[in-house]
Protein backbone atom coordinates (compact mmCIF):
# COMPACT_ATOMS: atom_id res chain seq x y z
CA MET A 1 104.35 69.27 145.80
CA LYS A 2 106.32 72.00 144.16
CA ARG A 3 106.99 69.85 140.87
CA PHE A 4 103.18 69.01 140.86
CA LEU A 5 102.19 72.80 140.99
CA VAL A 6 104.52 73.79 138.15
CA PHE A 7 103.29 70.55 136.44
CA SER A 8 99.50 71.81 136.67
CA ILE A 9 100.24 75.04 135.40
CA LEU A 10 102.34 73.98 132.52
CA THR A 11 99.13 71.34 131.40
CA ALA A 12 96.68 74.24 131.94
CA ALA A 13 98.55 76.81 129.87
CA LEU A 14 99.04 74.27 127.10
CA ALA A 15 95.74 73.16 127.50
CA PHE A 16 94.21 76.87 127.00
CA SER A 17 96.82 77.63 123.64
CA PHE A 18 95.05 74.30 121.88
CA THR A 19 91.59 75.56 122.92
CA VAL A 20 92.49 79.32 121.75
CA GLU A 21 94.28 78.03 118.52
CA ALA A 22 90.97 75.86 117.75
CA LYS A 23 88.89 78.79 117.61
CA THR A 24 90.93 81.04 115.53
CA PRO A 25 89.17 81.86 112.15
CA SER A 26 91.32 81.08 109.15
CA ARG A 27 91.34 83.41 106.13
CA GLY A 28 90.40 81.07 103.51
CA PRO A 29 86.90 79.87 101.88
CA ALA A 30 84.50 78.27 104.08
CA SER A 31 83.45 74.93 102.28
CA ASP A 32 80.71 73.53 104.16
CA VAL A 33 78.48 76.69 103.31
CA PRO A 34 77.27 77.64 99.82
CA VAL A 35 78.52 81.29 98.86
CA ALA A 36 75.24 82.44 98.16
CA ALA A 37 74.01 81.79 101.50
CA GLN A 38 77.03 83.64 102.85
CA SER A 39 77.22 86.72 100.87
CA LYS A 40 75.78 90.02 101.89
CA VAL A 41 75.72 93.59 99.91
CA LEU A 42 76.69 96.97 101.10
CA LYS A 43 75.98 100.42 99.33
CA ASP A 44 78.67 102.84 100.06
CA SER A 45 81.71 105.02 98.86
CA VAL A 46 85.39 103.86 99.55
CA LYS A 47 87.24 106.09 102.18
CA LYS A 48 90.40 104.81 101.88
CA SER A 49 92.31 101.44 101.02
CA ARG A 50 95.86 99.59 101.81
CA GLU A 51 97.44 97.06 100.06
CA ASP A 52 99.28 93.87 101.10
CA ASP A 53 100.97 90.80 99.76
CA ASP A 54 97.60 88.73 99.60
CA GLY A 55 95.38 91.55 98.40
CA ILE A 56 93.73 95.05 99.25
CA VAL A 57 91.91 96.19 102.34
CA TYR A 58 89.01 98.60 101.49
CA TYR A 59 87.58 100.83 104.32
CA PHE A 60 84.17 102.94 103.56
CA THR A 61 82.60 105.88 104.55
CA LYS A 62 79.47 104.67 106.54
CA ILE A 63 80.40 101.49 107.05
CA LYS A 64 82.69 100.55 110.04
CA GLY A 65 85.51 97.69 109.97
CA SER A 66 87.39 96.56 106.50
CA TYR A 67 86.56 94.41 103.70
CA TYR A 68 89.02 92.49 101.44
CA LEU A 69 89.77 92.08 97.71
CA ARG A 70 92.46 88.78 97.65
CA ARG A 71 94.54 88.77 94.56
CA VAL A 72 93.40 85.26 93.76
CA ASN A 73 90.20 86.62 92.99
CA VAL A 74 89.83 86.07 89.44
CA LYS A 75 87.91 89.34 88.93
CA PHE A 76 90.61 91.21 90.95
CA ASP A 77 91.95 93.92 88.22
CA ALA A 78 88.26 94.92 87.42
CA LEU A 79 87.10 94.69 90.99
CA LYS A 80 90.42 96.88 91.79
CA ALA A 81 89.31 99.45 89.33
CA LYS A 82 85.62 99.92 90.27
CA LEU A 83 86.62 100.28 93.98
CA ASP A 84 89.32 102.68 93.19
CA GLU A 85 87.51 104.92 90.89
CA SER A 86 84.78 105.45 94.14
CA LEU A 87 88.28 106.02 96.08
CA LYS A 88 88.88 108.68 93.92
CA THR A 89 84.93 110.39 93.07
CA LYS A 90 83.38 109.44 96.25
CA ALA A 91 80.64 107.95 94.28
CA GLU A 92 78.66 105.02 96.09
CA ILE A 93 79.16 101.79 95.00
CA SER A 94 77.56 98.25 95.45
CA VAL A 95 79.58 95.56 97.37
CA THR A 96 78.88 91.70 97.56
CA TYR A 97 81.07 90.11 100.08
CA ASP A 98 81.26 87.11 101.67
CA SER A 99 79.73 88.05 105.79
CA VAL A 100 82.18 85.33 106.94
CA GLU A 101 85.40 86.11 106.00
CA LEU A 102 84.61 90.21 104.72
CA ASN A 103 86.25 89.16 101.15
CA ILE A 104 84.86 91.38 98.54
CA LEU A 105 83.18 88.95 95.71
CA GLU A 106 81.43 91.65 93.09
CA VAL A 107 81.36 95.54 92.93
CA ASN A 108 78.70 97.08 90.82
């Protein structure tokens, strides 16, 4: 009976870990939905930023949450310059982002 109980608990824990892992979102492009259908625009000024190995996380003044500028973006340097200018001057900018992953796609 004791072995059956231990086996049942281990089986349930293992099944739960696979279920949780399958629902965890990845930080990559969603290939089956067109980018235009996923993108949204926000207008705000940059409050602060934080760099990591893969890019820069930006936080905005009025908008809650964070948005990510990936280094693999072909326009990385130009977009970073615009975002950093907004951080410095507190000027409002228009940011197009991927609504699924919250990756920054364009800055105007």
